[in-house]
């Protein structure tokens, strides 16, 4: 069961453009939380095996040939010393593929693993997958559902807060606004003082007329 689940996760990365059973999201499967936690170490182990074989594949590429298999040029390369060097260089990668087939039991999943997933994880030293618990339980048995997916492809984009720099023009505008506010305050104070003086003079005039 775990081998089939791990193979299903790798097969979601395949080219399924004309496939009737096309995955909704590449690199993601939805299963129960306990299954996702159990199969995650198997997936991580397979990716590590494939990632470590990338160096052997690159080294063997120096001795490979572009000739078509079965052609005269390919037969000549097959009998040369260059083929022996290529065979010695590619041996660790072949052993890694056999180990992955033994763990997964699906040759197509292994092909997708070595061709697509491993090169994408070449710069990571572990932590290739994550488990995200879903709030909605599974229909039927109400089991806790979870998402098992590869990291680096469906990640959320974190938006950093934009800190707008303060330029001289902004400072000048702020100073001008402060001066305008200060002028308005002083003018309002002058108006209040003038109205107070007018009222006091009017009161004194009314007292004089009464006398």
N, C-alpha and C. Protein backbone atom coordinates (compact mmCIF):
# COMPACT_ATOMS: atom_id res chain seq x y z
N UNK A 1 0.82 -1.20 0.00
CA UNK A 1 0.00 0.00 0.00
C UNK A 1 0.87 1.26 0.00
N UNK A 2 1.91 1.28 0.82
CA UNK A 2 2.78 2.44 0.87
C UNK A 2 3.58 2.61 -0.42
N UNK A 3 3.97 1.50 -1.02
CA UNK A 3 4.69 1.58 -2.30
C UNK A 3 3.79 2.17 -3.38
N UNK A 4 2.53 1.76 -3.41
CA UNK A 4 1.61 2.30 -4.41
C UNK A 4 1.33 3.79 -4.17
N UNK A 5 1.22 4.17 -2.91
CA UNK A 5 0.99 5.58 -2.61
C UNK A 5 2.19 6.43 -2.99
N UNK A 6 3.40 5.95 -2.70
CA UNK A 6 4.60 6.68 -3.09
C UNK A 6 4.73 6.77 -4.61
N UNK A 7 4.42 5.68 -5.31
CA UNK A 7 4.47 5.70 -6.77
C UNK A 7 3.44 6.67 -7.34
N UNK A 8 2.27 6.73 -6.71
CA UNK A 8 1.23 7.67 -7.17
C UNK A 8 1.70 9.11 -7.03
N UNK A 9 2.43 9.41 -5.97
CA UNK A 9 2.94 10.77 -5.79
C UNK A 9 3.94 11.12 -6.89
N UNK A 10 4.82 10.19 -7.24
CA UNK A 10 5.78 10.47 -8.32
C UNK A 10 5.09 10.53 -9.68
N UNK A 11 4.07 9.74 -9.87
CA UNK A 11 3.39 9.72 -11.17
C UNK A 11 2.57 10.99 -11.41
N UNK A 12 2.26 11.74 -10.38
CA UNK A 12 1.58 13.01 -10.61
C UNK A 12 2.47 14.02 -11.33
N UNK A 13 3.79 13.77 -11.33
CA UNK A 13 4.73 14.66 -12.01
C UNK A 13 4.92 14.30 -13.49
N UNK A 14 4.25 13.27 -13.95
CA UNK A 14 4.44 12.82 -15.33
C UNK A 14 3.77 13.79 -16.30
N UNK A 15 4.10 13.63 -17.56
CA UNK A 15 3.48 14.43 -18.62
C UNK A 15 2.13 13.79 -18.97
N UNK A 16 1.05 14.31 -18.40
CA UNK A 16 -0.28 13.71 -18.57
C UNK A 16 -1.20 14.63 -19.36
N UNK A 17 -0.65 15.27 -20.39
CA UNK A 17 -1.46 16.21 -21.17
C UNK A 17 -2.59 15.50 -21.90
N UNK A 18 -2.31 14.33 -22.45
CA UNK A 18 -3.33 13.58 -23.21
C UNK A 18 -3.80 12.35 -22.43
N UNK A 19 -3.66 12.40 -21.12
CA UNK A 19 -4.05 11.28 -20.27
C UNK A 19 -5.46 11.53 -19.74
N UNK A 20 -6.28 10.47 -19.74
CA UNK A 20 -7.64 10.61 -19.21
C UNK A 20 -7.63 10.78 -17.70
N UNK A 21 -6.68 10.16 -17.02
CA UNK A 21 -6.57 10.26 -15.57
C UNK A 21 -5.53 11.31 -15.20
N UNK A 22 -5.74 12.52 -15.66
CA UNK A 22 -4.79 13.59 -15.44
C UNK A 22 -4.87 14.08 -13.99
N UNK A 23 -3.74 14.24 -13.30
CA UNK A 23 -3.79 14.72 -11.91
C UNK A 23 -4.24 16.17 -11.85
N UNK A 24 -4.98 16.51 -10.81
CA UNK A 24 -5.46 17.88 -10.65
C UNK A 24 -4.30 18.84 -10.38
N UNK A 25 -3.42 18.44 -9.47
CA UNK A 25 -2.26 19.27 -9.12
C UNK A 25 -1.02 18.37 -9.16
N UNK A 26 0.00 18.79 -9.88
CA UNK A 26 1.22 18.00 -9.98
C UNK A 26 1.98 18.03 -8.65
N UNK A 27 2.54 16.85 -8.31
CA UNK A 27 3.33 16.77 -7.09
C UNK A 27 2.51 16.78 -5.82
N UNK A 28 1.26 16.33 -5.88
CA UNK A 28 0.39 16.37 -4.70
C UNK A 28 -0.59 15.21 -4.74
N UNK A 29 -0.78 14.55 -3.59
CA UNK A 29 -1.80 13.53 -3.41
C UNK A 29 -2.53 13.82 -2.11
N UNK A 30 -3.80 13.45 -2.08
CA UNK A 30 -4.63 13.62 -0.90
C UNK A 30 -4.92 12.24 -0.32
N UNK A 31 -4.58 12.04 0.93
CA UNK A 31 -4.78 10.77 1.60
C UNK A 31 -5.07 11.05 3.06
N UNK A 32 -5.08 10.02 3.89
CA UNK A 32 -5.29 10.23 5.32
C UNK A 32 -4.00 10.72 5.97
N UNK A 33 -4.15 11.32 7.12
CA UNK A 33 -3.00 11.89 7.81
C UNK A 33 -2.00 10.81 8.22
N UNK A 34 -2.48 9.68 8.68
CA UNK A 34 -1.58 8.62 9.13
C UNK A 34 -0.84 7.98 7.95
N UNK A 35 -1.52 7.80 6.82
CA UNK A 35 -0.84 7.26 5.65
C UNK A 35 0.23 8.22 5.14
N UNK A 36 -0.08 9.50 5.15
CA UNK A 36 0.89 10.49 4.67
C UNK A 36 2.14 10.49 5.54
N UNK A 37 1.98 10.37 6.85
CA UNK A 37 3.13 10.35 7.74
C UNK A 37 3.95 9.06 7.58
N UNK A 38 3.27 7.97 7.25
CA UNK A 38 3.97 6.70 7.10
C UNK A 38 4.74 6.61 5.78
N UNK A 39 4.16 7.17 4.71
CA UNK A 39 4.79 7.04 3.39
C UNK A 39 5.84 8.12 3.16
N UNK A 40 5.84 9.15 3.94
CA UNK A 40 6.79 10.25 3.73
C UNK A 40 8.24 9.80 3.82
N UNK A 41 8.65 8.98 4.82
CA UNK A 41 10.06 8.53 4.82
C UNK A 41 10.45 7.73 3.59
N UNK A 42 9.52 6.95 3.03
CA UNK A 42 9.83 6.19 1.82
C UNK A 42 10.07 7.12 0.64
N UNK A 43 9.25 8.13 0.51
CA UNK A 43 9.43 9.10 -0.59
C UNK A 43 10.74 9.86 -0.42
N UNK A 44 11.03 10.26 0.80
CA UNK A 44 12.28 11.00 1.05
C UNK A 44 13.50 10.13 0.72
N UNK A 45 13.43 8.86 1.06
CA UNK A 45 14.55 7.96 0.79
C UNK A 45 14.77 7.79 -0.71
N UNK A 46 13.69 7.63 -1.46
CA UNK A 46 13.81 7.47 -2.92
C UNK A 46 14.39 8.72 -3.57
N UNK A 47 13.95 9.88 -3.11
CA UNK A 47 14.48 11.13 -3.69
C UNK A 47 15.96 11.29 -3.35
N UNK A 48 16.36 10.91 -2.15
CA UNK A 48 17.77 10.99 -1.78
C UNK A 48 18.63 10.07 -2.64
N UNK A 49 18.15 8.86 -2.89
CA UNK A 49 18.90 7.92 -3.74
C UNK A 49 19.06 8.49 -5.15
N UNK A 50 17.98 9.05 -5.68
CA UNK A 50 18.04 9.60 -7.04
C UNK A 50 18.91 10.85 -7.09
N UNK A 51 18.86 11.67 -6.04
CA UNK A 51 19.64 12.91 -6.05
C UNK A 51 21.14 12.62 -5.98
N UNK A 52 21.52 11.59 -5.25
CA UNK A 52 22.94 11.26 -5.14
C UNK A 52 23.50 10.65 -6.41
N UNK A 53 22.63 10.15 -7.28
CA UNK A 53 23.10 9.56 -8.53
C UNK A 53 23.28 10.59 -9.64
N UNK A 54 22.92 11.84 -9.39
CA UNK A 54 23.05 12.86 -10.43
C UNK A 54 24.51 13.11 -10.81
N UNK A 55 25.40 13.02 -9.83
CA UNK A 55 26.82 13.22 -10.14
C UNK A 55 27.35 12.15 -11.07
N UNK A 56 26.93 10.91 -10.88
CA UNK A 56 27.36 9.83 -11.77
C UNK A 56 26.81 10.02 -13.18
N UNK A 57 25.58 10.49 -13.28
CA UNK A 57 25.01 10.74 -14.60
C UNK A 57 25.75 11.86 -15.33
N UNK A 58 26.11 12.90 -14.61
CA UNK A 58 26.86 13.99 -15.24
C UNK A 58 28.25 13.53 -15.67
N UNK A 59 28.89 12.71 -14.85
CA UNK A 59 30.21 12.21 -15.21
C UNK A 59 30.15 11.28 -16.42
N UNK A 60 29.09 10.48 -16.51
CA UNK A 60 28.96 9.58 -17.66
C UNK A 60 28.61 10.32 -18.93
N UNK A 61 28.03 11.51 -18.81
CA UNK A 61 27.68 12.28 -20.00
C UNK A 61 28.89 12.70 -20.82
N UNK A 62 30.06 12.76 -20.20
CA UNK A 62 31.27 13.14 -20.94
C UNK A 62 31.71 12.04 -21.90
N UNK A 63 31.34 10.79 -21.64
CA UNK A 63 31.78 9.68 -22.48
C UNK A 63 30.63 9.12 -23.32
N UNK A 64 29.45 9.73 -23.26
CA UNK A 64 28.29 9.23 -24.00
C UNK A 64 28.39 9.64 -25.46
N UNK A 65 27.52 9.08 -26.28
CA UNK A 65 27.46 9.39 -27.71
C UNK A 65 26.05 9.78 -28.09
N UNK A 66 25.95 10.62 -29.12
CA UNK A 66 24.65 11.05 -29.61
C UNK A 66 24.15 10.20 -30.77
N UNK A 67 24.89 9.19 -31.13
CA UNK A 67 24.49 8.35 -32.26
C UNK A 67 23.27 7.51 -31.90
N UNK A 68 22.48 7.22 -32.91
CA UNK A 68 21.27 6.42 -32.70
C UNK A 68 21.64 4.98 -32.39
N UNK A 69 20.88 4.39 -31.48
CA UNK A 69 21.17 3.03 -31.08
C UNK A 69 21.00 2.07 -32.26
N UNK A 70 21.99 1.22 -32.50
CA UNK A 70 21.98 0.27 -33.60
C UNK A 70 22.65 0.76 -34.86
N UNK A 71 23.01 2.03 -34.90
CA UNK A 71 23.67 2.57 -36.09
C UNK A 71 25.16 2.17 -36.08
N UNK A 72 25.81 2.44 -37.22
CA UNK A 72 27.23 2.10 -37.32
C UNK A 72 28.08 2.91 -36.34
N UNK A 73 27.73 4.18 -36.17
CA UNK A 73 28.48 5.02 -35.23
C UNK A 73 28.31 4.51 -33.80
N UNK A 74 27.09 4.08 -33.48
CA UNK A 74 26.85 3.57 -32.12
C UNK A 74 27.60 2.25 -31.90
N UNK A 75 27.63 1.41 -32.91
CA UNK A 75 28.37 0.14 -32.79
C UNK A 75 29.86 0.38 -32.63
N UNK A 76 30.37 1.38 -33.36
CA UNK A 76 31.80 1.70 -33.22
C UNK A 76 32.10 2.23 -31.81
N UNK A 77 31.18 3.07 -31.28
CA UNK A 77 31.35 3.57 -29.91
C UNK A 77 31.23 2.44 -28.88
N UNK A 78 30.37 1.47 -29.19
CA UNK A 78 30.16 0.35 -28.28
C UNK A 78 31.42 -0.52 -28.16
N UNK A 79 32.24 -0.55 -29.18
CA UNK A 79 33.45 -1.37 -29.17
C UNK A 79 34.68 -0.58 -28.76
N UNK A 80 34.54 0.70 -28.52
CA UNK A 80 35.70 1.53 -28.18
C UNK A 80 35.92 1.56 -26.67
N UNK A 81 37.06 2.16 -26.31
CA UNK A 81 37.36 2.31 -24.88
C UNK A 81 36.48 3.36 -24.22
N UNK A 82 35.92 4.25 -25.03
CA UNK A 82 35.05 5.28 -24.47
C UNK A 82 33.79 4.67 -23.83
N UNK A 83 33.31 3.59 -24.43
CA UNK A 83 32.14 2.91 -23.85
C UNK A 83 32.48 2.30 -22.50
N UNK A 84 33.69 1.78 -22.36
CA UNK A 84 34.10 1.21 -21.08
C UNK A 84 34.16 2.28 -20.00
N UNK A 85 34.65 3.46 -20.36
CA UNK A 85 34.69 4.56 -19.41
C UNK A 85 33.27 5.01 -19.05
N UNK A 86 32.39 5.05 -20.06
CA UNK A 86 31.00 5.41 -19.78
C UNK A 86 30.33 4.38 -18.88
N UNK A 87 30.61 3.12 -19.10
CA UNK A 87 30.02 2.06 -18.29
C UNK A 87 30.47 2.15 -16.83
N UNK A 88 31.73 2.45 -16.62
CA UNK A 88 32.22 2.58 -15.25
C UNK A 88 31.66 3.81 -14.55
N UNK A 89 31.44 4.88 -15.32
CA UNK A 89 30.92 6.11 -14.73
C UNK A 89 29.43 6.02 -14.42
N UNK A 90 28.66 5.30 -15.24
CA UNK A 90 27.21 5.22 -15.09
C UNK A 90 26.79 4.14 -14.10
N UNK A 91 27.72 3.32 -13.66
CA UNK A 91 27.38 2.19 -12.79
C UNK A 91 26.67 2.61 -11.51
N UNK A 92 27.11 3.66 -10.78
CA UNK A 92 26.36 4.06 -9.57
C UNK A 92 24.93 4.51 -9.87
N UNK A 93 24.71 5.16 -11.00
CA UNK A 93 23.35 5.58 -11.36
C UNK A 93 22.46 4.39 -11.67
N UNK A 94 23.01 3.37 -12.34
CA UNK A 94 22.24 2.16 -12.62
C UNK A 94 21.87 1.44 -11.34
N UNK A 95 22.81 1.37 -10.41
CA UNK A 95 22.53 0.74 -9.12
C UNK A 95 21.46 1.51 -8.36
N UNK A 96 21.48 2.84 -8.47
CA UNK A 96 20.47 3.65 -7.79
C UNK A 96 19.09 3.41 -8.39
N UNK A 97 19.01 3.29 -9.71
CA UNK A 97 17.72 3.03 -10.35
C UNK A 97 17.18 1.65 -9.95
N UNK A 98 18.05 0.67 -9.86
CA UNK A 98 17.60 -0.66 -9.45
C UNK A 98 17.11 -0.64 -8.01
N UNK A 99 17.77 0.13 -7.16
CA UNK A 99 17.33 0.24 -5.78
C UNK A 99 15.97 0.94 -5.69
N UNK A 100 15.77 1.96 -6.52
CA UNK A 100 14.49 2.66 -6.52
C UNK A 100 13.37 1.77 -7.04
N UNK A 101 13.66 0.96 -8.06
CA UNK A 101 12.65 0.01 -8.55
C UNK A 101 12.31 -1.01 -7.48
N UNK A 102 13.28 -1.41 -6.72
CA UNK A 102 13.03 -2.35 -5.63
C UNK A 102 12.13 -1.74 -4.56
N UNK A 103 12.30 -0.44 -4.29
CA UNK A 103 11.51 0.21 -3.25
C UNK A 103 10.10 0.57 -3.72
N UNK A 104 9.98 1.03 -4.97
CA UNK A 104 8.69 1.50 -5.47
C UNK A 104 7.91 0.43 -6.22
N UNK A 105 8.62 -0.39 -7.00
CA UNK A 105 7.93 -1.41 -7.77
C UNK A 105 7.24 -0.91 -9.01
N UNK A 106 7.57 0.31 -9.46
CA UNK A 106 6.95 0.89 -10.65
C UNK A 106 8.05 1.56 -11.47
N UNK A 107 8.30 1.05 -12.68
CA UNK A 107 9.38 1.59 -13.51
C UNK A 107 9.06 2.99 -14.02
N UNK A 108 7.79 3.26 -14.31
CA UNK A 108 7.43 4.59 -14.78
C UNK A 108 7.63 5.63 -13.68
N UNK A 109 7.28 5.27 -12.44
CA UNK A 109 7.49 6.19 -11.33
C UNK A 109 8.97 6.45 -11.11
N UNK A 110 9.79 5.42 -11.28
CA UNK A 110 11.24 5.58 -11.13
C UNK A 110 11.79 6.48 -12.23
N UNK A 111 11.28 6.34 -13.43
CA UNK A 111 11.73 7.19 -14.52
C UNK A 111 11.39 8.66 -14.26
N UNK A 112 10.18 8.91 -13.76
CA UNK A 112 9.80 10.29 -13.42
C UNK A 112 10.65 10.81 -12.27
N UNK A 113 10.96 9.96 -11.32
CA UNK A 113 11.78 10.36 -10.18
C UNK A 113 13.15 10.83 -10.62
N UNK A 114 13.81 10.05 -11.47
CA UNK A 114 15.18 10.39 -11.89
C UNK A 114 15.20 11.50 -12.93
N UNK A 115 14.16 11.64 -13.73
CA UNK A 115 14.17 12.62 -14.80
C UNK A 115 13.67 13.99 -14.36
N UNK A 116 12.68 14.04 -13.48
CA UNK A 116 12.04 15.31 -13.13
C UNK A 116 12.25 15.73 -11.68
N UNK A 117 12.00 14.81 -10.76
CA UNK A 117 12.01 15.19 -9.34
C UNK A 117 13.43 15.39 -8.82
N UNK A 118 14.33 14.46 -9.10
CA UNK A 118 15.69 14.53 -8.55
C UNK A 118 16.44 15.79 -9.01
N UNK A 119 16.43 16.17 -10.30
CA UNK A 119 17.13 17.41 -10.67
C UNK A 119 16.57 18.65 -9.98
N UNK A 120 15.28 18.65 -9.71
CA UNK A 120 14.68 19.80 -9.04
C UNK A 120 15.08 19.88 -7.57
N UNK A 121 15.40 18.74 -6.98
CA UNK A 121 15.80 18.71 -5.57
C UNK A 121 17.31 18.63 -5.40
N UNK A 122 18.07 18.97 -6.40
CA UNK A 122 19.52 18.79 -6.34
C UNK A 122 20.16 19.68 -5.28
N UNK A 123 19.58 20.83 -4.99
CA UNK A 123 20.17 21.77 -4.03
C UNK A 123 19.65 21.59 -2.62
N UNK A 124 18.81 20.61 -2.39
CA UNK A 124 18.23 20.38 -1.06
C UNK A 124 18.87 19.15 -0.42
N UNK A 125 19.11 19.24 0.87
CA UNK A 125 19.70 18.13 1.61
C UNK A 125 18.67 17.47 2.52
N UNK A 126 17.48 17.28 2.02
CA UNK A 126 16.41 16.67 2.81
C UNK A 126 15.21 17.58 2.88
N UNK A 127 14.12 17.05 3.44
CA UNK A 127 12.91 17.86 3.52
C UNK A 127 12.30 18.10 2.15
N UNK A 128 12.14 17.05 1.36
CA UNK A 128 11.62 17.20 0.00
C UNK A 128 10.09 17.27 -0.04
N UNK A 129 9.42 16.81 1.00
CA UNK A 129 7.96 16.77 1.02
C UNK A 129 7.46 17.43 2.29
N UNK A 130 6.17 17.70 2.32
CA UNK A 130 5.50 18.21 3.51
C UNK A 130 4.11 17.61 3.60
N UNK A 131 3.58 17.56 4.80
CA UNK A 131 2.25 17.04 5.07
C UNK A 131 1.42 18.20 5.62
N UNK A 132 0.30 18.47 4.96
CA UNK A 132 -0.60 19.55 5.36
C UNK A 132 -1.93 18.93 5.76
N UNK A 133 -2.32 19.12 6.97
CA UNK A 133 -3.58 18.56 7.47
C UNK A 133 -4.75 19.39 6.96
N UNK A 134 -5.79 18.70 6.50
CA UNK A 134 -6.98 19.35 5.99
C UNK A 134 -8.05 19.44 7.08
N UNK A 135 -8.82 20.50 7.04
CA UNK A 135 -9.87 20.69 8.05
C UNK A 135 -11.08 19.80 7.78
N UNK A 136 -11.35 19.50 6.51
CA UNK A 136 -12.52 18.69 6.16
C UNK A 136 -12.17 17.22 6.25
N UNK A 137 -12.90 16.42 7.01
CA UNK A 137 -12.60 14.98 7.09
C UNK A 137 -13.01 14.27 5.82
N UNK A 138 -12.52 13.05 5.64
CA UNK A 138 -12.83 12.25 4.47
C UNK A 138 -14.26 11.72 4.54
N UNK A 139 -14.93 11.73 3.42
CA UNK A 139 -16.30 11.23 3.39
C UNK A 139 -16.31 9.71 3.55
N UNK A 140 -17.30 9.20 4.23
CA UNK A 140 -17.43 7.77 4.41
C UNK A 140 -17.06 7.34 5.81
N UNK A 141 -15.78 7.48 6.16
CA UNK A 141 -15.33 7.07 7.49
C UNK A 141 -14.88 8.24 8.36
N UNK A 142 -15.02 9.48 7.84
CA UNK A 142 -14.66 10.68 8.59
C UNK A 142 -13.21 10.66 9.05
N UNK A 143 -12.33 10.06 8.23
CA UNK A 143 -10.91 10.03 8.57
C UNK A 143 -10.26 11.39 8.35
N UNK A 144 -9.23 11.65 9.12
CA UNK A 144 -8.52 12.92 8.99
C UNK A 144 -7.73 12.94 7.68
N UNK A 145 -8.08 13.85 6.81
CA UNK A 145 -7.43 13.95 5.51
C UNK A 145 -6.21 14.87 5.57
N UNK A 146 -5.28 14.64 4.66
CA UNK A 146 -4.07 15.45 4.62
C UNK A 146 -3.54 15.46 3.19
N UNK A 147 -2.69 16.43 2.91
CA UNK A 147 -2.05 16.58 1.61
C UNK A 147 -0.58 16.23 1.76
N UNK A 148 -0.10 15.36 0.90
CA UNK A 148 1.32 15.04 0.81
C UNK A 148 1.83 15.58 -0.51
N UNK A 149 2.76 16.51 -0.48
CA UNK A 149 3.23 17.16 -1.70
C UNK A 149 4.70 17.49 -1.59
N UNK A 150 5.30 17.72 -2.78
CA UNK A 150 6.70 18.13 -2.85
C UNK A 150 6.81 19.62 -2.57
N UNK A 151 7.89 19.99 -1.92
CA UNK A 151 8.12 21.40 -1.62
C UNK A 151 8.76 22.07 -2.84
N UNK A 152 8.63 23.39 -2.86
CA UNK A 152 9.27 24.17 -3.91
C UNK A 152 8.44 24.38 -5.16
N UNK A 153 7.26 23.77 -5.24
CA UNK A 153 6.45 23.92 -6.45
C UNK A 153 5.11 24.57 -6.16
N UNK A 154 4.48 24.18 -5.07
CA UNK A 154 3.18 24.74 -4.69
C UNK A 154 3.31 25.61 -3.45
N UNK A 155 4.46 26.21 -3.25
CA UNK A 155 4.68 27.03 -2.07
C UNK A 155 3.91 28.35 -2.18
N UNK A 156 3.53 28.86 -1.03
CA UNK A 156 2.89 30.16 -0.99
C UNK A 156 3.94 31.25 -1.12
N UNK A 157 3.59 32.29 -1.87
CA UNK A 157 4.52 33.39 -2.07
C UNK A 157 4.35 34.39 -0.93
N UNK A 158 5.43 34.60 -0.17
CA UNK A 158 5.39 35.54 0.94
C UNK A 158 5.72 36.94 0.42
N UNK A 159 4.80 37.86 0.68
CA UNK A 159 4.98 39.24 0.24
C UNK A 159 5.59 40.04 1.38
N UNK A 160 6.74 40.61 1.12
CA UNK A 160 7.40 41.41 2.13
C UNK A 160 6.76 42.79 2.22
N UNK A 161 6.78 43.34 3.43
CA UNK A 161 6.21 44.67 3.62
C UNK A 161 7.08 45.71 2.93
N UNK A 162 6.43 46.57 2.15
CA UNK A 162 7.16 47.59 1.40
C UNK A 162 7.45 48.77 2.32
N UNK A 163 8.72 49.01 2.55
CA UNK A 163 9.14 50.16 3.36
C UNK A 163 9.52 51.29 2.41
N UNK A 164 8.66 52.28 2.34
CA UNK A 164 8.88 53.39 1.42
C UNK A 164 9.95 54.31 1.99
N UNK A 165 11.04 54.55 1.26
CA UNK A 165 12.09 55.44 1.78
C UNK A 165 11.63 56.88 1.83
N UNK A 166 12.14 57.60 2.81
CA UNK A 166 11.78 59.01 2.99
C UNK A 166 12.81 59.85 2.25
N UNK A 167 12.37 60.56 1.23
CA UNK A 167 13.26 61.41 0.44
C UNK A 167 13.18 62.84 0.96
N UNK A 168 14.03 63.68 0.43
CA UNK A 168 14.06 65.07 0.84
C UNK A 168 12.77 65.78 0.47
N UNK A 169 12.20 65.42 -0.71
CA UNK A 169 10.95 66.06 -1.12
C UNK A 169 9.82 65.74 -0.15
N UNK A 170 9.79 64.48 0.32
CA UNK A 170 8.76 64.10 1.29
C UNK A 170 8.94 64.86 2.59
N UNK A 171 10.19 65.05 3.01
CA UNK A 171 10.42 65.81 4.22
C UNK A 171 10.00 67.26 4.06
N UNK A 172 10.30 67.84 2.89
CA UNK A 172 9.90 69.22 2.64
C UNK A 172 8.39 69.37 2.64
N UNK A 173 7.69 68.39 2.03
CA UNK A 173 6.23 68.45 2.02
C UNK A 173 5.67 68.35 3.43
N UNK A 174 6.26 67.45 4.23
CA UNK A 174 5.78 67.31 5.61
C UNK A 174 6.05 68.58 6.40
N UNK A 175 7.23 69.23 6.16
CA UNK A 175 7.52 70.48 6.86
C UNK A 175 6.55 71.57 6.44
N UNK A 176 6.22 71.63 5.13
CA UNK A 176 5.26 72.64 4.65
C UNK A 176 3.90 72.42 5.28
N UNK A 177 3.48 71.16 5.40
CA UNK A 177 2.19 70.87 6.02
C UNK A 177 2.18 71.29 7.48
N UNK A 178 3.30 71.05 8.18
CA UNK A 178 3.39 71.45 9.58
C UNK A 178 3.31 72.96 9.72
N UNK A 179 3.97 73.69 8.79
CA UNK A 179 3.91 75.14 8.84
C UNK A 179 2.50 75.65 8.56
N UNK A 180 1.80 75.02 7.60
CA UNK A 180 0.43 75.44 7.32
C UNK A 180 -0.48 75.19 8.52
N UNK A 181 -0.30 74.07 9.16
CA UNK A 181 -1.11 73.78 10.36
C UNK A 181 -0.81 74.77 11.46
N UNK A 182 0.47 75.14 11.64
CA UNK A 182 0.86 76.09 12.67
C UNK A 182 0.27 77.46 12.37
N UNK A 183 0.26 77.87 11.07
CA UNK A 183 -0.32 79.15 10.68
C UNK A 183 -1.80 79.18 10.96
N UNK A 184 -2.49 78.03 10.65
CA UNK A 184 -3.92 77.98 10.92
C UNK A 184 -4.21 78.09 12.40
N UNK A 185 -3.37 77.46 13.23
CA UNK A 185 -3.57 77.51 14.67
C UNK A 185 -3.38 78.93 15.19
N UNK A 186 -2.31 79.61 14.73
CA UNK A 186 -2.04 80.98 15.19
C UNK A 186 -3.12 81.93 14.73
N UNK A 187 -3.61 81.76 13.48
CA UNK A 187 -4.67 82.64 12.98
C UNK A 187 -5.96 82.44 13.76
N UNK A 188 -6.26 81.21 14.11
CA UNK A 188 -7.46 80.94 14.90
C UNK A 188 -7.32 81.53 16.29
N UNK A 189 -6.10 81.47 16.86
CA UNK A 189 -5.88 82.07 18.17
C UNK A 189 -6.04 83.58 18.11
N UNK A 190 -5.56 84.22 17.02
CA UNK A 190 -5.71 85.67 16.87
C UNK A 190 -7.17 86.05 16.76
N UNK A 191 -7.93 85.25 16.02
CA UNK A 191 -9.35 85.53 15.88
C UNK A 191 -10.07 85.42 17.22
N UNK A 192 -9.70 84.43 18.00
CA UNK A 192 -10.31 84.28 19.33
C UNK A 192 -9.99 85.47 20.22
N UNK A 193 -8.72 85.93 20.16
CA UNK A 193 -8.32 87.08 20.98
C UNK A 193 -9.06 88.33 20.54
N UNK A 194 -9.21 88.52 19.23
CA UNK A 194 -9.90 89.71 18.73
C UNK A 194 -11.35 89.71 19.13
N UNK A 195 -11.98 88.57 19.05
CA UNK A 195 -13.39 88.49 19.45
C UNK A 195 -13.55 88.72 20.94
N UNK A 196 -12.57 88.28 21.73
CA UNK A 196 -12.64 88.51 23.17
C UNK A 196 -12.49 89.99 23.48
N UNK A 197 -11.58 90.67 22.76
CA UNK A 197 -11.42 92.11 22.97
C UNK A 197 -12.66 92.88 22.57
N UNK A 198 -13.29 92.48 21.45
CA UNK A 198 -14.51 93.16 21.02
C UNK A 198 -15.62 93.00 22.04
N UNK A 199 -15.75 91.81 22.58
CA UNK A 199 -16.80 91.57 23.57
C UNK A 199 -16.55 92.36 24.83
N UNK A 200 -15.27 92.46 25.25
CA UNK A 200 -14.95 93.23 26.46
C UNK A 200 -15.21 94.70 26.26
N UNK A 201 -14.88 95.24 25.08
CA UNK A 201 -15.13 96.66 24.80
C UNK A 201 -16.61 96.94 24.73
N UNK A 202 -17.35 96.00 24.18
CA UNK A 202 -18.80 96.19 24.13
C UNK A 202 -19.40 96.19 25.52
N UNK A 203 -18.94 95.37 26.42
CA UNK A 203 -19.44 95.34 27.79
C UNK A 203 -19.12 96.63 28.52
N UNK A 204 -17.88 97.14 28.32
CA UNK A 204 -17.51 98.40 28.97
C UNK A 204 -18.35 99.57 28.47
N UNK A 205 -18.67 99.58 27.15
CA UNK A 205 -19.52 100.64 26.60
C UNK A 205 -20.93 100.58 27.15
N UNK A 206 -21.45 99.39 27.34
CA UNK A 206 -22.80 99.28 27.90
C UNK A 206 -22.84 99.70 29.35
N UNK A 207 -21.80 99.45 30.14
CA UNK A 207 -21.73 99.90 31.52
C UNK A 207 -21.67 101.43 31.60
N UNK A 208 -20.90 102.05 30.68
CA UNK A 208 -20.82 103.51 30.67
C UNK A 208 -22.15 104.16 30.33
N UNK A 209 -22.88 103.58 29.41
CA UNK A 209 -24.20 104.18 29.05
C UNK A 209 -25.18 104.03 30.19
N UNK A 210 -25.09 102.96 30.96
CA UNK A 210 -25.98 102.77 32.10
C UNK A 210 -25.72 103.80 33.18
N UNK A 211 -24.43 104.15 33.36
CA UNK A 211 -24.12 105.18 34.35
C UNK A 211 -24.62 106.54 33.87
